[in-house]
Amino acid sequence: MELIIWRHAEAEEGAPDLRRELTAAGRKQAAQVADWLNVRLPEHCRILCSPAVRAQQTLDALERDYEVDPAIGPGADPAAVLHAAGWPARHGSVLVVGHQPTLGRLAALLLSGRQQEWDIPRGALWWFDQPDPHLPYGPTLKAVVTPEMLLK
């Protein structure tokens, strides 16, 4: 199984939190990462998104269908995100678009076996691969992409 976690791009400040929109820079970040991802993402990838507007606007740049799942909204527990994605038992690929600190804690959990406060920058994605959930070791980190790496 492959699990790709993508933090929403730069968003406006303000309230209510779920209604915050991307800034102009955030829209550019989302488009850059979406362009990179679109040519690499498997055709039948399941895509899950936070109910927050900024996460949906980030994902809209990918121009693919997705499911909105409250289990991966702001403040979500990393275990709830893994459960929503079906990790690691599900076959295929799952893309999750969500928030900090959840995604950083999730990345730490997958790579170190415990939750730690890791930072995933705005608009960045981390791509994990676990070919067999029965293997005695954890997933490998296939790719890390930030919008700054893709500047045109």
Protein backbone atom coordinates (compact mmCIF):
# COMPACT_ATOMS: atom_id res chain seq x y z
CA MET A 1 0.00 0.00 0.00
CA GLU A 2 1.07 3.53 -0.68
CA LEU A 3 0.03 6.40 1.57
CA ILE A 4 0.59 9.96 0.41
CA ILE A 5 -0.01 12.74 2.91
CA TRP A 6 -0.32 16.28 1.57
CA ARG A 7 -0.54 19.29 3.85
CA HIS A 8 -2.83 22.03 2.59
CA ALA A 9 -1.13 25.00 0.98
CA GLU A 10 -0.76 28.47 2.54
CA ALA A 11 -4.08 29.80 3.83
CA GLU A 12 -5.48 33.08 5.08
CA GLU A 13 -5.65 33.74 8.80
CA GLY A 14 -9.01 34.14 10.47
CA ALA A 15 -12.12 32.40 11.66
CA PRO A 16 -14.03 30.23 11.43
CA ASP A 17 -11.15 27.82 10.91
CA LEU A 18 -12.95 25.46 8.53
CA ARG A 19 -13.84 28.34 6.17
CA ARG A 20 -10.29 29.71 5.74
CA GLU A 21 -9.29 29.90 2.06
CA LEU A 22 -5.96 29.63 0.29
CA THR A 23 -3.96 32.77 -0.37
CA ALA A 24 -2.75 33.57 -3.89
CA ALA A 25 0.62 32.05 -2.92
CA GLY A 26 -1.21 29.00 -1.58
CA ARG A 27 -3.02 28.49 -4.86
CA LYS A 28 0.32 28.60 -6.66
CA GLN A 29 1.82 26.10 -4.17
CA ALA A 30 -1.12 23.74 -4.66
CA ALA A 31 -0.85 23.95 -8.45
CA GLN A 32 2.90 23.24 -8.42
CA VAL A 33 2.57 20.16 -6.24
CA ALA A 34 -0.55 18.97 -8.10
CA ASP A 35 1.35 19.16 -11.41
CA TRP A 36 4.13 17.01 -9.95
CA LEU A 37 1.71 14.59 -8.34
CA ASN A 38 -0.70 14.20 -11.26
CA VAL A 39 1.85 12.47 -13.50
CA ARG A 40 2.91 10.10 -10.68
CA LEU A 41 -0.32 9.32 -8.86
CA PRO A 42 -1.84 5.94 -9.75
CA GLU A 43 -5.05 6.24 -11.74
CA HIS A 44 -7.17 4.41 -9.16
CA CYS A 45 -5.82 6.18 -6.09
CA ARG A 46 -8.40 6.75 -3.35
CA ILE A 47 -8.33 10.40 -2.29
CA LEU A 48 -9.48 11.65 1.12
CA CYS A 49 -9.73 15.29 2.13
CA SER A 50 -10.35 17.27 5.27
CA PRO A 51 -13.63 19.19 5.43
CA ALA A 52 -11.65 22.46 5.71
CA VAL A 53 -12.01 24.74 2.66
CA ARG A 54 -8.24 25.28 2.44
CA ALA A 55 -7.63 21.52 2.16
CA GLN A 56 -10.31 21.13 -0.51
CA GLN A 57 -8.92 24.09 -2.47
CA THR A 58 -5.46 22.49 -2.30
CA LEU A 59 -6.85 19.25 -3.65
CA ASP A 60 -8.95 20.99 -6.32
CA ALA A 61 -5.67 21.80 -8.09
CA LEU A 62 -5.27 18.06 -8.73
CA GLU A 63 -8.58 17.96 -10.65
CA ARG A 64 -9.58 14.48 -9.44
CA ASP A 65 -12.58 13.22 -7.50
CA TYR A 66 -12.18 12.91 -3.74
CA GLU A 67 -14.06 12.08 -0.56
CA VAL A 68 -14.41 14.60 2.27
CA ASP A 69 -13.81 12.84 5.60
CA PRO A 70 -14.25 14.64 8.95
CA ALA A 71 -11.89 12.09 10.53
CA ILE A 72 -8.97 13.92 8.91
CA GLY A 73 -10.02 17.48 9.72
CA PRO A 74 -8.07 19.97 11.83
CA GLY A 75 -6.96 18.48 15.14
CA ALA A 76 -7.46 14.90 13.97
CA ASP A 77 -5.70 12.05 15.70
CA PRO A 78 -3.06 10.34 13.50
CA ALA A 79 -4.59 6.94 14.30
CA ALA A 80 -7.96 8.17 12.97
CA VAL A 81 -6.29 9.27 9.73
CA LEU A 82 -4.63 5.86 9.34
CA HIS A 83 -7.95 4.16 10.02
CA ALA A 84 -9.76 6.32 7.43
CA ALA A 85 -7.06 5.47 4.88
CA GLY A 86 -7.19 1.76 5.70
CA TRP A 87 -3.49 1.71 6.53
CA PRO A 88 -1.74 -0.67 6.22
CA ALA A 89 -4.17 -3.44 5.25
CA ARG A 90 -5.72 -1.74 2.20
CA HIS A 91 -4.18 -2.44 -1.18
CA GLY A 92 -3.44 0.28 -3.68
CA SER A 93 -2.78 3.94 -3.01
CA VAL A 94 -4.44 6.51 -0.79
CA LEU A 95 -3.84 10.27 -0.85
CA VAL A 96 -4.82 12.21 2.28
CA VAL A 97 -4.98 16.03 2.30
CA GLY A 98 -4.95 17.41 5.81
CA HIS A 99 -3.31 19.55 8.47
CA GLN A 100 -0.51 20.12 10.91
CA PRO A 101 0.23 18.96 13.53
CA THR A 102 -1.65 15.76 12.60
CA LEU A 103 0.33 14.98 9.45
CA GLY A 104 3.69 15.59 11.13
CA ARG A 105 2.73 13.31 13.99
CA LEU A 106 1.54 10.72 11.47
CA ALA A 107 4.84 10.84 9.54
CA ALA A 108 6.76 10.42 12.80
CA LEU A 109 4.58 7.49 13.81
CA LEU A 110 5.12 5.72 10.48
CA LEU A 111 8.89 6.24 10.41
CA SER A 112 9.85 6.05 14.08
CA GLY A 113 7.01 4.06 15.62
CA ARG A 114 5.95 6.86 17.97
CA GLN A 115 4.22 10.20 17.74
CA GLN A 116 6.58 13.13 17.74
CA GLU A 117 6.20 16.75 16.71
CA TRP A 118 7.52 16.77 13.14
CA ASP A 119 6.79 19.67 10.83
CA ILE A 120 5.46 19.20 7.32
CA PRO A 121 5.62 22.57 5.54
CA ARG A 122 2.55 24.10 3.94
CA GLY A 123 1.81 22.52 0.59
CA ALA A 124 4.33 19.68 1.05
CA LEU A 125 3.66 15.99 0.60
CA TRP A 126 5.27 12.82 1.94
CA TRP A 127 4.85 9.53 0.06
CA PHE A 128 5.10 6.26 2.01
CA ASP A 129 5.18 2.71 0.70
CA GLN A 130 4.43 -0.48 2.65
CA PRO A 131 4.39 -3.33 0.13
CA ASP A 132 3.36 -5.94 2.70
CA PRO A 133 1.71 -5.09 6.06
CA HIS A 134 3.05 -8.34 7.50
CA LEU A 135 6.70 -7.37 7.10
CA PRO A 136 8.57 -6.92 10.40
CA TYR A 137 9.66 -3.38 9.52
CA GLY A 138 7.79 -0.19 8.77
CA PRO A 139 7.15 1.67 5.55
CA THR A 140 9.73 3.33 3.37
CA LEU A 141 9.61 7.00 2.55
CA LYS A 142 9.44 7.16 -1.24
CA ALA A 143 9.36 10.92 -1.75
CA VAL A 144 9.15 14.27 -0.02
CA VAL A 145 8.11 17.23 -2.14
CA THR A 146 7.72 20.85 -1.14
CA PRO A 147 6.37 23.65 -3.33
CA GLU A 148 9.75 25.42 -3.14
CA MET A 149 11.43 22.40 -4.77
CA LEU A 150 9.15 22.82 -7.77
CA LEU A 151 9.52 26.55 -8.41
CA LYS A 152 9.32 27.33 -12.10
